[in-house]
Amino acid sequence: LLSSCPPLKFPDFYGIDTPHQKQLIAANM
């Protein structure tokens, strides 16, 4: 599996409903 961007470690607070940081897998593993 290859991801075409770096690990997502921080949520978006600028109008996009992304998960809380504790739910972002790359922020916790």
PDB file of all heavy atoms in Angstrom:
ATOM      1  N   LEU A   1       0.836  -1.198   0.000  1.00  0.00           N
ATOM      2  CA  LEU A   1       0.000   0.000   0.000  1.00  0.00           C
ATOM      3  C   LEU A   1       0.872   1.249   0.000  1.00  0.00           C
ATOM      4  O   LEU A   1       1.788   1.382   0.811  1.00  0.00           O
ATOM      5  CB  LEU A   1      -0.921   0.017   1.225  1.00  0.00           C
ATOM      6  CG  LEU A   1      -1.874   1.217   1.332  1.00  0.00           C
ATOM      7  CD1 LEU A   1      -2.825   1.286   0.149  1.00  0.00           C
ATOM      8  CD2 LEU A   1      -2.662   1.164   2.640  1.00  0.00           C
ATOM      9  N   LEU A   2       0.586   2.154  -0.940  1.00  0.00           N
ATOM     10  CA  LEU A   2       1.308   3.415  -1.036  1.00  0.00           C
ATOM     11  C   LEU A   2       0.334   4.580  -0.894  1.00  0.00           C
ATOM     12  O   LEU A   2      -0.728   4.576  -1.521  1.00  0.00           O
ATOM     13  CB  LEU A   2       2.028   3.531  -2.384  1.00  0.00           C
ATOM     14  CG  LEU A   2       3.421   2.896  -2.486  1.00  0.00           C
ATOM     15  CD1 LEU A   2       3.337   1.382  -2.401  1.00  0.00           C
ATOM     16  CD2 LEU A   2       4.086   3.289  -3.790  1.00  0.00           C
ATOM     17  N   SER A   3       0.715   5.557  -0.078  1.00  0.00           N
ATOM     18  CA  SER A   3      -0.090   6.775   0.085  1.00  0.00           C
ATOM     19  C   SER A   3       0.570   7.903  -0.688  1.00  0.00           C
ATOM     20  O   SER A   3       1.773   8.144  -0.540  1.00  0.00           O
ATOM     21  CB  SER A   3      -0.184   7.147   1.572  1.00  0.00           C
ATOM     22  OG  SER A   3      -0.680   8.466   1.724  1.00  0.00           O
ATOM     23  N   SER A   4      -0.219   8.611  -1.498  1.00  0.00           N
ATOM     24  CA  SER A   4       0.352   9.678  -2.336  1.00  0.00           C
ATOM     25  C   SER A   4       0.536  10.992  -1.582  1.00  0.00           C
ATOM     26  O   SER A   4       0.736  12.039  -2.183  1.00  0.00           O
ATOM     27  CB  SER A   4      -0.503   9.897  -3.587  1.00  0.00           C
ATOM     28  OG  SER A   4      -1.768  10.415  -3.240  1.00  0.00           O
ATOM     29  N   CYS A   5       0.454  10.936  -0.255  1.00  0.00           N
ATOM     30  CA  CYS A   5       0.799  12.108   0.564  1.00  0.00           C
ATOM     31  C   CYS A   5       1.444  11.621   1.849  1.00  0.00           C
ATOM     32  O   CYS A   5       1.347  10.439   2.190  1.00  0.00           O
ATOM     33  CB  CYS A   5      -0.435  12.969   0.853  1.00  0.00           C
ATOM     34  SG  CYS A   5      -1.563  12.271   2.074  1.00  0.00           S
ATOM     35  N   PRO A   6       2.097  12.505   2.598  1.00  0.00           N
ATOM     36  CA  PRO A   6       2.714  12.115   3.873  1.00  0.00           C
ATOM     37  C   PRO A   6       1.663  11.712   4.909  1.00  0.00           C
ATOM     38  O   PRO A   6       0.457  11.911   4.689  1.00  0.00           O
ATOM     39  CB  PRO A   6       3.454  13.389   4.303  1.00  0.00           C
ATOM     40  CG  PRO A   6       3.577  14.229   3.074  1.00  0.00           C
ATOM     41  CD  PRO A   6       2.378  13.907   2.240  1.00  0.00           C
ATOM     42  N   PRO A   7       2.092  11.178   6.047  1.00  0.00           N
ATOM     43  CA  PRO A   7       1.137  10.793   7.094  1.00  0.00           C
ATOM     44  C   PRO A   7       0.309  11.989   7.588  1.00  0.00           C
ATOM     45  O   PRO A   7       0.851  13.065   7.849  1.00  0.00           O
ATOM     46  CB  PRO A   7       2.039  10.269   8.222  1.00  0.00           C
ATOM     47  CG  PRO A   7       3.296   9.843   7.536  1.00  0.00           C
ATOM     48  CD  PRO A   7       3.477  10.788   6.396  1.00  0.00           C
ATOM     49  N   LEU A   8      -1.007  11.785   7.685  1.00  0.00           N
ATOM     50  CA  LEU A   8      -1.918  12.816   8.199  1.00  0.00           C
ATOM     51  C   LEU A   8      -1.895  12.757   9.726  1.00  0.00           C
ATOM     52  O   LEU A   8      -2.434  11.827  10.319  1.00  0.00           O
ATOM     53  CB  LEU A   8      -3.343  12.567   7.702  1.00  0.00           C
ATOM     54  CG  LEU A   8      -3.644  12.915   6.249  1.00  0.00           C
ATOM     55  CD1 LEU A   8      -4.980  12.322   5.848  1.00  0.00           C
ATOM     56  CD2 LEU A   8      -3.665  14.418   6.057  1.00  0.00           C
ATOM     57  N   LYS A   9      -1.298  13.768  10.348  1.00  0.00           N
ATOM     58  CA  LYS A   9      -1.120  13.734  11.796  1.00  0.00           C
ATOM     59  C   LYS A   9      -1.931  14.775  12.554  1.00  0.00           C
ATOM     60  O   LYS A   9      -2.014  14.733  13.771  1.00  0.00           O
ATOM     61  CB  LYS A   9       0.368  13.925  12.135  1.00  0.00           C
ATOM     62  CG  LYS A   9       1.239  12.771  11.648  1.00  0.00           C
ATOM     63  CD  LYS A   9       2.665  12.919  12.126  1.00  0.00           C
ATOM     64  CE  LYS A   9       3.501  11.700  11.714  1.00  0.00           C
ATOM     65  NZ  LYS A   9       4.881  11.798  12.210  1.00  0.00           N
ATOM     66  N   PHE A  10      -2.523  15.722  11.812  1.00  0.00           N
ATOM     67  CA  PHE A  10      -3.235  16.817  12.473  1.00  0.00           C
ATOM     68  C   PHE A  10      -4.587  17.047  11.800  1.00  0.00           C
ATOM     69  O   PHE A  10      -4.700  16.953  10.586  1.00  0.00           O
ATOM     70  CB  PHE A  10      -2.392  18.099  12.426  1.00  0.00           C
ATOM     71  CG  PHE A  10      -1.053  17.959  13.098  1.00  0.00           C
ATOM     72  CD1 PHE A  10       0.061  17.556  12.357  1.00  0.00           C
ATOM     73  CD2 PHE A  10      -0.919  18.186  14.451  1.00  0.00           C
ATOM     74  CE1 PHE A  10       1.298  17.399  12.970  1.00  0.00           C
ATOM     75  CE2 PHE A  10       0.315  18.037  15.071  1.00  0.00           C
ATOM     76  CZ  PHE A  10       1.430  17.643  14.339  1.00  0.00           C
ATOM     77  N   PRO A  11      -5.628  17.379  12.593  1.00  0.00           N
ATOM     78  CA  PRO A  11      -6.965  17.613  12.013  1.00  0.00           C
ATOM     79  C   PRO A  11      -7.028  18.918  11.242  1.00  0.00           C
ATOM     80  O   PRO A  11      -6.190  19.799  11.405  1.00  0.00           O
ATOM     81  CB  PRO A  11      -7.884  17.680  13.246  1.00  0.00           C
ATOM     82  CG  PRO A  11      -7.041  17.343  14.422  1.00  0.00           C
ATOM     83  CD  PRO A  11      -5.616  17.533  14.051  1.00  0.00           C
ATOM     84  N   ASP A  12      -8.067  19.023  10.422  1.00  0.00           N
ATOM     85  CA  ASP A  12      -8.337  20.260   9.687  1.00  0.00           C
ATOM     86  C   ASP A  12      -9.350  21.072  10.492  1.00  0.00           C
ATOM     87  O   ASP A  12     -10.381  20.550  10.878  1.00  0.00           O
ATOM     88  CB  ASP A  12      -8.910  19.927   8.307  1.00  0.00           C
ATOM     89  CG  ASP A  12      -9.124  21.166   7.460  1.00  0.00           C
ATOM     90  OD1 ASP A  12     -10.058  21.940   7.750  1.00  0.00           O
ATOM     91  OD2 ASP A  12      -8.362  21.368   6.513  1.00  0.00           O
ATOM     92  N   PHE A  13      -9.023  22.337  10.733  1.00  0.00           N
ATOM     93  CA  PHE A  13      -9.959  23.208  11.457  1.00  0.00           C
ATOM     94  C   PHE A  13     -10.493  24.311  10.552  1.00  0.00           C
ATOM     95  O   PHE A  13     -11.054  25.294  11.030  1.00  0.00           O
ATOM     96  CB  PHE A  13      -9.263  23.828  12.677  1.00  0.00           C
ATOM     97  CG  PHE A  13      -8.909  22.812  13.736  1.00  0.00           C
ATOM     98  CD1 PHE A  13      -7.592  22.442  13.935  1.00  0.00           C
ATOM     99  CD2 PHE A  13      -9.889  22.222  14.515  1.00  0.00           C
ATOM    100  CE1 PHE A  13      -7.251  21.510  14.906  1.00  0.00           C
ATOM    101  CE2 PHE A  13      -9.564  21.280  15.488  1.00  0.00           C
ATOM    102  CZ  PHE A  13      -8.240  20.923  15.678  1.00  0.00           C
ATOM    103  N   TYR A  14     -10.307  24.150   9.242  1.00  0.00           N
ATOM    104  CA  TYR A  14     -10.670  25.211   8.302  1.00  0.00           C
ATOM    105  C   TYR A  14     -11.830  24.820   7.402  1.00  0.00           C
ATOM    106  O   TYR A  14     -11.780  24.958   6.192  1.00  0.00           O
ATOM    107  CB  TYR A  14      -9.446  25.621   7.481  1.00  0.00           C
ATOM    108  CG  TYR A  14      -8.301  26.169   8.306  1.00  0.00           C
ATOM    109  CD1 TYR A  14      -6.985  25.862   7.985  1.00  0.00           C
ATOM    110  CD2 TYR A  14      -8.533  27.003   9.400  1.00  0.00           C
ATOM    111  CE1 TYR A  14      -5.929  26.367   8.735  1.00  0.00           C
ATOM    112  CE2 TYR A  14      -7.483  27.512  10.155  1.00  0.00           C
ATOM    113  CZ  TYR A  14      -6.181  27.194   9.818  1.00  0.00           C
ATOM    114  OH  TYR A  14      -5.136  27.702  10.562  1.00  0.00           O
ATOM    115  N   GLY A  15     -12.869  24.255   8.007  1.00  0.00           N
ATOM    116  CA  GLY A  15     -14.101  24.027   7.261  1.00  0.00           C
ATOM    117  C   GLY A  15     -14.320  22.622   6.734  1.00  0.00           C
ATOM    118  O   GLY A  15     -15.332  22.352   6.109  1.00  0.00           O
ATOM    119  N   ILE A  16     -13.372  21.718   6.996  1.00  0.00           N
ATOM    120  CA  ILE A  16     -13.533  20.322   6.553  1.00  0.00           C
ATOM    121  C   ILE A  16     -13.731  19.445   7.789  1.00  0.00           C
ATOM    122  O   ILE A  16     -12.989  19.562   8.762  1.00  0.00           O
ATOM    123  CB  ILE A  16     -12.299  19.827   5.763  1.00  0.00           C
ATOM    124  CG1 ILE A  16     -12.005  20.748   4.573  1.00  0.00           C
ATOM    125  CG2 ILE A  16     -12.500  18.392   5.291  1.00  0.00           C
ATOM    126  CD1 ILE A  16     -13.058  20.762   3.483  1.00  0.00           C
ATOM    127  N   ASP A  17     -14.714  18.583   7.742  1.00  0.00           N
ATOM    128  CA  ASP A  17     -15.031  17.737   8.896  1.00  0.00           C
ATOM    129  C   ASP A  17     -14.109  16.517   8.934  1.00  0.00           C
ATOM    130  O   ASP A  17     -14.494  15.410   8.594  1.00  0.00           O
ATOM    131  CB  ASP A  17     -16.502  17.306   8.831  1.00  0.00           C
ATOM    132  CG  ASP A  17     -16.919  16.524  10.072  1.00  0.00           C
ATOM    133  OD1 ASP A  17     -16.233  16.648  11.101  1.00  0.00           O
ATOM    134  OD2 ASP A  17     -17.912  15.792  10.001  1.00  0.00           O
ATOM    135  N   THR A  18     -12.866  16.727   9.350  1.00  0.00           N
ATOM    136  CA  THR A  18     -11.930  15.606   9.502  1.00  0.00           C
ATOM    137  C   THR A  18     -11.976  15.112  10.941  1.00  0.00           C
ATOM    138  O   THR A  18     -12.438  15.817  11.831  1.00  0.00           O
ATOM    139  CB  THR A  18     -10.489  16.008   9.125  1.00  0.00           C
ATOM    140  OG1 THR A  18     -10.133  17.169   9.878  1.00  0.00           O
ATOM    141  CG2 THR A  18     -10.360  16.315   7.651  1.00  0.00           C
ATOM    142  N   PRO A  19     -11.478  13.910  11.213  1.00  0.00           N
ATOM    143  CA  PRO A  19     -11.569  13.349  12.567  1.00  0.00           C
ATOM    144  C   PRO A  19     -10.701  14.091  13.581  1.00  0.00           C
ATOM    145  O   PRO A  19      -9.778  14.825  13.228  1.00  0.00           O
ATOM    146  CB  PRO A  19     -11.046  11.916  12.381  1.00  0.00           C
ATOM    147  CG  PRO A  19     -11.036  11.652  10.928  1.00  0.00           C
ATOM    148  CD  PRO A  19     -10.873  12.974  10.259  1.00  0.00           C
ATOM    149  N   HIS A  20     -10.992  13.852  14.870  1.00  0.00           N
ATOM    150  CA  HIS A  20     -10.132  14.351  15.934  1.00  0.00           C
ATOM    151  C   HIS A  20      -8.766  13.673  15.816  1.00  0.00           C
ATOM    152  O   HIS A  20      -8.643  12.572  15.270  1.00  0.00           O
ATOM    153  CB  HIS A  20     -10.748  14.041  17.300  1.00  0.00           C
ATOM    154  CG  HIS A  20     -12.043  14.748  17.535  1.00  0.00           C
ATOM    155  ND1 HIS A  20     -12.128  16.111  17.663  1.00  0.00           N
ATOM    156  CD2 HIS A  20     -13.308  14.269  17.659  1.00  0.00           C
ATOM    157  CE1 HIS A  20     -13.393  16.456  17.862  1.00  0.00           C
ATOM    158  NE2 HIS A  20     -14.124  15.359  17.859  1.00  0.00           N
ATOM    159  N   GLN A  21      -7.749  14.319  16.375  1.00  0.00           N
ATOM    160  CA  GLN A  21      -6.385  13.799  16.249  1.00  0.00           C
ATOM    161  C   GLN A  21      -6.258  12.369  16.789  1.00  0.00           C
ATOM    162  O   GLN A  21      -5.527  11.549  16.233  1.00  0.00           O
ATOM    163  CB  GLN A  21      -5.390  14.721  16.946  1.00  0.00           C
ATOM    164  CG  GLN A  21      -3.939  14.416  16.595  1.00  0.00           C
ATOM    165  CD  GLN A  21      -2.982  15.385  17.230  1.00  0.00           C
ATOM    166  OE1 GLN A  21      -3.237  15.941  18.303  1.00  0.00           O
ATOM    167  NE2 GLN A  21      -1.849  15.607  16.585  1.00  0.00           N
ATOM    168  N   LYS A  22      -6.993  12.063  17.844  1.00  0.00           N
ATOM    169  CA  LYS A  22      -6.900  10.722  18.436  1.00  0.00           C
ATOM    170  C   LYS A  22      -7.419   9.639  17.484  1.00  0.00           C
ATOM    171  O   LYS A  22      -7.151   8.460  17.679  1.00  0.00           O
ATOM    172  CB  LYS A  22      -7.658  10.666  19.764  1.00  0.00           C
ATOM    173  CG  LYS A  22      -9.144  10.915  19.642  1.00  0.00           C
ATOM    174  CD  LYS A  22      -9.799  10.984  21.014  1.00  0.00           C
ATOM    175  CE  LYS A  22     -11.290  11.289  20.872  1.00  0.00           C
ATOM    176  NZ  LYS A  22     -11.945  11.548  22.149  1.00  0.00           N
ATOM    177  N   GLN A  23      -8.178  10.062  16.448  1.00  0.00           N
ATOM    178  CA  GLN A  23      -8.688   9.099  15.467  1.00  0.00           C
ATOM    179  C   GLN A  23      -7.812   9.007  14.211  1.00  0.00           C
ATOM    180  O   GLN A  23      -8.042   8.146  13.371  1.00  0.00           O
ATOM    181  CB  GLN A  23     -10.112   9.480  15.052  1.00  0.00           C
ATOM    182  CG  GLN A  23     -11.122   9.373  16.186  1.00  0.00           C
ATOM    183  CD  GLN A  23     -12.486   9.854  15.740  1.00  0.00           C
ATOM    184  OE1 GLN A  23     -12.672  11.007  15.329  1.00  0.00           O
ATOM    185  NE2 GLN A  23     -13.477   8.984  15.817  1.00  0.00           N
ATOM    186  N   LEU A  24      -6.830   9.908  14.088  1.00  0.00           N
ATOM    187  CA  LEU A  24      -5.926   9.867  12.934  1.00  0.00           C
ATOM    188  C   LEU A  24      -4.843   8.831  13.209  1.00  0.00           C
ATOM    189  O   LEU A  24      -4.024   9.002  14.117  1.00  0.00           O
ATOM    190  CB  LEU A  24      -5.298  11.243  12.697  1.00  0.00           C
ATOM    191  CG  LEU A  24      -6.250  12.374  12.308  1.00  0.00           C
ATOM    192  CD1 LEU A  24      -5.511  13.705  12.283  1.00  0.00           C
ATOM    193  CD2 LEU A  24      -6.897  12.096  10.952  1.00  0.00           C
ATOM    194  N   ILE A  25      -4.822   7.779  12.424  1.00  0.00           N
ATOM    195  CA  ILE A  25      -3.947   6.643  12.727  1.00  0.00           C
ATOM    196  C   ILE A  25      -2.471   7.033  12.732  1.00  0.00           C
ATOM    197  O   ILE A  25      -1.701   6.570  13.575  1.00  0.00           O
ATOM    198  CB  ILE A  25      -4.228   5.467  11.754  1.00  0.00           C
ATOM    199  CG1 ILE A  25      -3.595   4.179  12.290  1.00  0.00           C
ATOM    200  CG2 ILE A  25      -3.789   5.781  10.320  1.00  0.00           C
ATOM    201  CD1 ILE A  25      -4.083   2.919  11.597  1.00  0.00           C
ATOM    202  N   ALA A  26      -2.058   7.931  11.826  1.00  0.00           N
ATOM    203  CA  ALA A  26      -0.645   8.313  11.742  1.00  0.00           C
ATOM    204  C   ALA A  26      -0.203   9.187  12.916  1.00  0.00           C
ATOM    205  O   ALA A  26       0.995   9.336  13.163  1.00  0.00           O
ATOM    206  CB  ALA A  26      -0.371   9.031  10.426  1.00  0.00           C
ATOM    207  N   ALA A  27      -1.161   9.770  13.653  1.00  0.00           N
ATOM    208  CA  ALA A  27      -0.824  10.580  14.825  1.00  0.00           C
ATOM    209  C   ALA A  27      -0.600   9.704  16.051  1.00  0.00           C
ATOM    210  O   ALA A  27      -0.077  10.169  17.067  1.00  0.00           O
ATOM    211  CB  ALA A  27      -1.931  11.586  15.108  1.00  0.00           C
ATOM    212  N   ASN A  28      -0.996   8.438  15.941  1.00  0.00           N
ATOM    213  CA  ASN A  28      -0.966   7.562  17.112  1.00  0.00           C
ATOM    214  C   ASN A  28      -0.163   6.279  16.914  1.00  0.00           C
ATOM    215  O   ASN A  28       0.056   5.541  17.867  1.00  0.00           O
ATOM    216  CB  ASN A  28      -2.408   7.205  17.501  1.00  0.00           C
ATOM    217  CG  ASN A  28      -3.233   8.434  17.831  1.00  0.00           C
ATOM    218  OD1 ASN A  28      -3.084   9.003  18.903  1.00  0.00           O
ATOM    219  ND2 ASN A  28      -4.081   8.877  16.907  1.00  0.00           N
ATOM    220  N   MET A  29       0.282   6.014  15.687  1.00  0.00           N
ATOM    221  CA  MET A  29       1.071   4.819  15.407  1.00  0.00           C
ATOM    222  C   MET A  29       2.251   5.163  14.515  1.00  0.00           C
ATOM    223  O   MET A  29       2.184   6.113  13.736  1.00  0.00           O
ATOM    224  CB  MET A  29       0.231   3.756  14.670  1.00  0.00           C
ATOM    225  CG  MET A  29      -0.861   3.104  15.456  1.00  0.00           C
ATOM    226  SD  MET A  29      -1.587   1.744  14.462  1.00  0.00           S
ATOM    227  CE  MET A  29      -3.011   1.333  15.462  1.00  0.00           C
TER     228      MET A  29
END
